[in-house]
Amino acid sequence: MPDLPLEKQKLFQKCVEFHGHLCPGLAFGLQAALAGMEFLSEAQALDEELVAIVETDACGTDAIQFT
């Protein structure tokens, strides 16, 4: 993961630990979550202050949930 800033590398590693394994869907989900948060000018919610409705149970959903 040398192309990612250190902060994103740490966040991705925490997502992998939360999800249980490394996979492409998790990477895609993290990028989607970060792009959505940037678009909405939001930061990571501390206590479910931001809710996402995700209509799939694929791996990317865990990254969105964690982020």
N, C-alpha and C. Protein backbone atom coordinates (compact mmCIF):
# COMPACT_ATOMS: atom_id res chain seq x y z
N MET A 1 0.82 -1.20 0.00
CA MET A 1 0.00 0.00 0.00
C MET A 1 0.86 1.27 0.00
N PRO A 2 1.96 1.28 -0.73
CA PRO A 2 2.83 2.45 -0.68
C PRO A 2 2.25 3.69 -1.36
N ASP A 3 1.23 3.57 -2.20
CA ASP A 3 0.68 4.72 -2.91
C ASP A 3 -0.31 5.51 -2.06
N LEU A 4 -0.76 4.95 -0.95
CA LEU A 4 -1.73 5.63 -0.10
C LEU A 4 -1.02 6.44 0.97
N PRO A 5 -1.59 7.60 1.34
CA PRO A 5 -1.05 8.32 2.49
C PRO A 5 -1.14 7.44 3.74
N LEU A 6 -0.26 7.68 4.69
CA LEU A 6 -0.19 6.86 5.90
C LEU A 6 -1.53 6.79 6.63
N GLU A 7 -2.26 7.90 6.69
CA GLU A 7 -3.56 7.92 7.37
C GLU A 7 -4.55 6.95 6.71
N LYS A 8 -4.57 6.93 5.38
CA LYS A 8 -5.47 6.01 4.67
C LYS A 8 -5.01 4.57 4.80
N GLN A 9 -3.69 4.36 4.85
CA GLN A 9 -3.18 3.00 5.05
C GLN A 9 -3.64 2.44 6.38
N LYS A 10 -3.56 3.27 7.44
CA LYS A 10 -4.00 2.82 8.76
C LYS A 10 -5.49 2.56 8.78
N LEU A 11 -6.27 3.43 8.15
CA LEU A 11 -7.72 3.24 8.08
C LEU A 11 -8.06 1.96 7.33
N PHE A 12 -7.36 1.71 6.22
CA PHE A 12 -7.61 0.50 5.44
C PHE A 12 -7.26 -0.74 6.25
N GLN A 13 -6.16 -0.70 6.98
CA GLN A 13 -5.77 -1.84 7.81
C GLN A 13 -6.82 -2.12 8.88
N LYS A 14 -7.38 -1.07 9.48
CA LYS A 14 -8.44 -1.25 10.47
C LYS A 14 -9.69 -1.83 9.82
N CYS A 15 -9.99 -1.44 8.58
CA CYS A 15 -11.13 -2.01 7.85
C CYS A 15 -10.91 -3.50 7.61
N VAL A 16 -9.68 -3.87 7.24
CA VAL A 16 -9.35 -5.29 7.01
C VAL A 16 -9.56 -6.08 8.30
N GLU A 17 -9.11 -5.53 9.41
CA GLU A 17 -9.28 -6.22 10.70
C GLU A 17 -10.76 -6.35 11.05
N PHE A 18 -11.54 -5.31 10.80
CA PHE A 18 -12.98 -5.35 11.06
C PHE A 18 -13.68 -6.38 10.18
N HIS A 19 -13.30 -6.42 8.91
CA HIS A 19 -13.95 -7.30 7.93
C HIS A 19 -13.49 -8.76 8.08
N GLY A 20 -12.22 -8.95 8.41
CA GLY A 20 -11.73 -10.31 8.61
C GLY A 20 -10.75 -10.79 7.56
N HIS A 21 -10.74 -10.16 6.39
CA HIS A 21 -9.77 -10.52 5.36
C HIS A 21 -9.65 -9.38 4.36
N LEU A 22 -8.55 -9.41 3.61
CA LEU A 22 -8.29 -8.42 2.58
C LEU A 22 -8.91 -8.88 1.27
N CYS A 23 -9.64 -7.99 0.62
CA CYS A 23 -10.25 -8.34 -0.66
C CYS A 23 -10.51 -7.07 -1.47
N PRO A 24 -10.69 -7.21 -2.79
CA PRO A 24 -10.92 -6.03 -3.64
C PRO A 24 -12.19 -5.26 -3.26
N GLY A 25 -13.23 -5.96 -2.87
CA GLY A 25 -14.48 -5.30 -2.51
C GLY A 25 -14.33 -4.37 -1.33
N LEU A 26 -13.48 -4.74 -0.39
CA LEU A 26 -13.22 -3.90 0.77
C LEU A 26 -12.50 -2.62 0.35
N ALA A 27 -11.52 -2.76 -0.53
CA ALA A 27 -10.80 -1.58 -1.03
C ALA A 27 -11.74 -0.65 -1.78
N PHE A 28 -12.60 -1.23 -2.61
CA PHE A 28 -13.57 -0.43 -3.36
C PHE A 28 -14.55 0.26 -2.41
N GLY A 29 -15.02 -0.46 -1.39
CA GLY A 29 -15.95 0.12 -0.43
C GLY A 29 -15.34 1.28 0.35
N LEU A 30 -14.06 1.15 0.71
CA LEU A 30 -13.40 2.23 1.43
C LEU A 30 -13.29 3.47 0.54
N GLN A 31 -12.92 3.27 -0.71
CA GLN A 31 -12.82 4.42 -1.63
C GLN A 31 -14.19 5.07 -1.84
N ALA A 32 -15.23 4.25 -1.95
CA ALA A 32 -16.59 4.79 -2.12
C ALA A 32 -17.01 5.58 -0.87
N ALA A 33 -16.72 5.04 0.31
CA ALA A 33 -17.08 5.71 1.55
C ALA A 33 -16.35 7.05 1.68
N LEU A 34 -15.06 7.05 1.40
CA LEU A 34 -14.28 8.28 1.50
C LEU A 34 -14.74 9.31 0.48
N ALA A 35 -15.06 8.86 -0.74
CA ALA A 35 -15.55 9.79 -1.77
C ALA A 35 -16.90 10.37 -1.36
N GLY A 36 -17.77 9.55 -0.82
CA GLY A 36 -19.08 10.02 -0.38
C GLY A 36 -18.97 11.01 0.76
N MET A 37 -18.09 10.73 1.71
CA MET A 37 -17.90 11.64 2.83
C MET A 37 -17.31 12.97 2.37
N GLU A 38 -16.39 12.89 1.41
CA GLU A 38 -15.81 14.13 0.88
C GLU A 38 -16.87 14.93 0.14
N PHE A 39 -17.70 14.26 -0.65
CA PHE A 39 -18.77 14.93 -1.40
C PHE A 39 -19.75 15.62 -0.45
N LEU A 40 -20.05 14.98 0.66
CA LEU A 40 -20.99 15.53 1.64
C LEU A 40 -20.32 16.46 2.66
N SER A 41 -19.01 16.61 2.55
CA SER A 41 -18.23 17.41 3.51
C SER A 41 -18.44 16.93 4.94
N GLU A 42 -18.40 15.62 5.10
CA GLU A 42 -18.61 15.00 6.41
C GLU A 42 -17.32 14.36 6.91
N ALA A 43 -17.22 14.21 8.21
CA ALA A 43 -16.11 13.48 8.83
C ALA A 43 -16.67 12.16 9.38
N GLN A 44 -15.78 11.30 9.84
CA GLN A 44 -16.23 10.02 10.38
C GLN A 44 -17.13 10.26 11.59
N ALA A 45 -18.31 9.66 11.57
CA ALA A 45 -19.28 9.82 12.65
C ALA A 45 -18.81 9.07 13.89
N LEU A 46 -18.96 9.68 15.03
CA LEU A 46 -18.54 9.05 16.28
C LEU A 46 -19.60 8.09 16.82
N ASP A 47 -20.88 8.40 16.60
CA ASP A 47 -21.93 7.58 17.17
C ASP A 47 -23.16 7.57 16.27
N GLU A 48 -23.04 6.97 15.10
CA GLU A 48 -24.15 6.82 14.17
C GLU A 48 -24.83 8.15 13.83
N GLU A 49 -24.04 9.22 13.76
CA GLU A 49 -24.59 10.51 13.38
C GLU A 49 -24.86 10.58 11.88
N LEU A 50 -24.20 9.72 11.13
CA LEU A 50 -24.37 9.65 9.69
C LEU A 50 -24.78 8.22 9.35
N VAL A 51 -25.86 8.07 8.62
CA VAL A 51 -26.38 6.75 8.30
C VAL A 51 -26.35 6.54 6.79
N ALA A 52 -25.88 5.38 6.36
CA ALA A 52 -25.86 5.01 4.95
C ALA A 52 -26.77 3.80 4.75
N ILE A 53 -27.59 3.86 3.74
CA ILE A 53 -28.42 2.70 3.38
C ILE A 53 -27.74 2.04 2.19
N VAL A 54 -27.26 0.83 2.40
CA VAL A 54 -26.50 0.10 1.39
C VAL A 54 -27.29 -1.14 1.03
N GLU A 55 -27.66 -1.27 -0.21
CA GLU A 55 -28.54 -2.36 -0.62
C GLU A 55 -27.77 -3.55 -1.18
N THR A 56 -26.79 -4.01 -0.43
CA THR A 56 -26.02 -5.19 -0.78
C THR A 56 -25.37 -5.72 0.49
N ASP A 57 -24.96 -6.96 0.46
CA ASP A 57 -24.23 -7.51 1.61
C ASP A 57 -22.81 -7.88 1.20
N ALA A 58 -22.32 -7.26 0.12
CA ALA A 58 -20.98 -7.52 -0.36
C ALA A 58 -19.93 -6.93 0.59
N CYS A 59 -18.70 -7.28 0.37
CA CYS A 59 -17.60 -6.89 1.26
C CYS A 59 -17.47 -5.38 1.43
N GLY A 60 -17.73 -4.62 0.40
CA GLY A 60 -17.59 -3.18 0.47
C GLY A 60 -18.46 -2.53 1.53
N THR A 61 -19.55 -3.19 1.87
CA THR A 61 -20.46 -2.69 2.89
C THR A 61 -19.75 -2.57 4.24
N ASP A 62 -18.86 -3.49 4.55
CA ASP A 62 -18.13 -3.42 5.82
C ASP A 62 -17.25 -2.17 5.88
N ALA A 63 -16.62 -1.83 4.77
CA ALA A 63 -15.80 -0.62 4.74
C ALA A 63 -16.66 0.62 4.94
N ILE A 64 -17.82 0.64 4.33
CA ILE A 64 -18.73 1.77 4.49
C ILE A 64 -19.19 1.85 5.93
N GLN A 65 -19.54 0.70 6.52
CA GLN A 65 -19.98 0.67 7.91
C GLN A 65 -18.86 1.14 8.84
N PHE A 66 -17.66 0.68 8.61
CA PHE A 66 -16.55 1.02 9.49
C PHE A 66 -16.13 2.49 9.36
N THR A 67 -16.21 3.01 8.14
CA THR A 67 -15.76 4.37 7.88
C THR A 67 -16.82 5.34 8.33
